[in-house]
Amino acid sequence: MTTVRIESFDELADLVQDEGLAVVQMHSLRTAAKWDRLTARTLEAIKDELRKRALGVYPGLSEDRHDEVRIYKIGTPLGNLIESVINPSEQGDRRLQEAATNSAQELIRQIRVLVCE
């Protein structure tokens, strides 16, 4: 996926709604949060804004402005699969097995590539 630049969290939410997944650099999230630096307080503000919009982030927020993160919508089929991979559980295992048996093996492979990069 191509890294995108965003100016606001609403723009990010719309993009994720349309595309299912967005790759952004931390400096874009910092800009959307209207902070000048990536500090612990900035990361908390970003987490709050993502939470308000039911957006998940992988691999996690970072203070390095060049780091890329993947943003996804929590509760969607793609979001559920991502959560199943990054937060292993029995329910997640069943979800992954079901997806694999429903001819979604390529989707799972793509998610693993995205998550494990």
Protein backbone atom coordinates (compact mmCIF):
# COMPACT_ATOMS: atom_id res chain seq x y z
CA MET A 1 0.00 0.00 0.00
CA THR A 2 1.06 3.56 -0.58
CA THR A 3 1.73 5.81 2.40
CA VAL A 4 -0.84 8.61 2.58
CA ARG A 5 -0.70 12.05 4.13
CA ILE A 6 -3.63 13.24 6.17
CA GLU A 7 -4.47 16.58 7.74
CA SER A 8 -7.21 15.49 10.14
CA PHE A 9 -8.50 12.43 11.93
CA ASP A 10 -11.85 12.78 10.17
CA GLU A 11 -10.02 12.61 6.84
CA LEU A 12 -8.21 9.50 8.07
CA ALA A 13 -11.47 7.89 9.21
CA ASP A 14 -13.07 8.57 5.82
CA LEU A 15 -10.06 7.12 4.03
CA VAL A 16 -10.08 3.97 6.15
CA GLN A 17 -13.84 3.65 5.62
CA ASP A 18 -13.32 3.79 1.85
CA GLU A 19 -10.12 1.75 1.56
CA GLY A 20 -10.33 -0.56 4.58
CA LEU A 21 -6.74 0.21 5.57
CA ALA A 22 -4.41 3.21 5.46
CA VAL A 23 -0.65 3.44 5.84
CA VAL A 24 0.49 6.73 7.38
CA GLN A 25 3.69 8.10 8.81
CA MET A 26 3.73 9.30 12.38
CA HIS A 27 4.34 12.90 11.32
CA SER A 28 0.95 12.89 9.57
CA LEU A 29 -0.75 11.73 12.75
CA ARG A 30 1.17 14.41 14.68
CA THR A 31 -0.07 17.03 12.20
CA ALA A 32 -3.65 15.78 12.52
CA ALA A 33 -3.34 16.02 16.31
CA LYS A 34 -2.08 19.60 15.91
CA TRP A 35 1.09 19.03 17.92
CA ASP A 36 4.59 20.18 16.99
CA ARG A 37 6.49 17.20 18.38
CA LEU A 38 5.87 13.52 18.96
CA THR A 39 5.95 13.15 22.72
CA ALA A 40 4.21 10.82 25.13
CA ARG A 41 1.40 13.39 25.47
CA THR A 42 1.09 13.61 21.69
CA LEU A 43 0.83 9.84 21.41
CA GLU A 44 -1.93 9.82 24.05
CA ALA A 45 -3.82 12.52 22.12
CA ILE A 46 -3.46 10.48 18.92
CA LYS A 47 -4.68 7.31 20.68
CA ASP A 48 -7.72 9.20 21.96
CA GLU A 49 -8.56 10.53 18.49
CA LEU A 50 -8.21 7.06 16.94
CA ARG A 51 -10.32 5.51 19.71
CA LYS A 52 -13.09 8.07 19.16
CA ARG A 53 -13.35 6.87 15.57
CA ALA A 54 -12.99 3.13 16.36
CA LEU A 55 -9.68 2.99 14.51
CA GLY A 56 -6.96 0.51 15.36
CA VAL A 57 -3.25 0.93 14.73
CA TYR A 58 -0.49 -1.55 14.01
CA PRO A 59 2.31 -1.97 15.00
CA GLY A 60 1.73 0.80 17.54
CA LEU A 61 2.38 4.49 17.82
CA SER A 62 5.97 5.69 17.85
CA GLU A 63 7.83 8.89 18.67
CA ASP A 64 9.80 8.53 15.41
CA ARG A 65 8.10 10.79 12.89
CA HIS A 66 9.21 8.62 9.95
CA ASP A 67 7.74 5.37 11.28
CA GLU A 68 4.82 3.99 9.31
CA VAL A 69 1.72 2.55 10.93
CA ARG A 70 -1.32 0.82 9.54
CA ILE A 71 -4.71 2.21 10.51
CA TYR A 72 -7.82 0.04 10.25
CA LYS A 73 -11.44 0.16 11.37
CA ILE A 74 -12.14 -1.93 14.44
CA GLY A 75 -15.10 -4.29 14.07
CA THR A 76 -14.98 -4.61 10.29
CA PRO A 77 -14.18 -7.96 8.65
CA LEU A 78 -10.66 -6.75 7.80
CA GLY A 79 -10.22 -5.18 11.23
CA ASN A 80 -11.33 -8.40 12.90
CA LEU A 81 -8.82 -10.41 10.88
CA ILE A 82 -6.01 -8.00 11.73
CA GLU A 83 -6.95 -8.16 15.41
CA SER A 84 -6.99 -11.96 15.18
CA VAL A 85 -3.43 -11.99 13.90
CA ILE A 86 -1.96 -9.39 16.27
CA ASN A 87 -3.91 -10.46 19.38
CA PRO A 88 -4.03 -14.27 19.27
CA SER A 89 -7.01 -15.90 20.96
CA GLU A 90 -9.18 -18.97 20.53
CA GLN A 91 -11.93 -16.87 18.98
CA GLY A 92 -9.39 -15.21 16.68
CA ASP A 93 -8.03 -18.61 15.66
CA ARG A 94 -11.53 -19.74 14.74
CA ARG A 95 -12.06 -16.51 12.77
CA LEU A 96 -8.83 -17.09 10.84
CA GLN A 97 -9.69 -20.74 10.16
CA GLU A 98 -13.13 -19.73 8.94
CA ALA A 99 -11.68 -17.09 6.66
CA ALA A 100 -9.19 -19.60 5.27
CA THR A 101 -11.88 -22.17 4.56
CA ASN A 102 -13.99 -19.53 2.84
CA SER A 103 -11.41 -19.14 0.07
CA ALA A 104 -9.89 -16.09 1.80
CA GLN A 105 -6.38 -17.53 2.06
CA GLU A 106 -4.97 -14.75 -0.14
CA LEU A 107 -6.50 -12.10 2.14
CA ILE A 108 -4.93 -13.72 5.19
CA ARG A 109 -1.57 -13.87 3.41
CA GLN A 110 -1.83 -10.16 2.60
CA ILE A 111 -2.73 -9.31 6.19
CA ARG A 112 0.22 -11.28 7.48
CA VAL A 113 2.50 -9.46 5.05
CA LEU A 114 1.13 -6.10 6.23
CA VAL A 115 1.29 -7.01 9.91
CA CYS A 116 4.68 -8.69 9.83
CA GLU A 117 6.53 -6.07 7.76
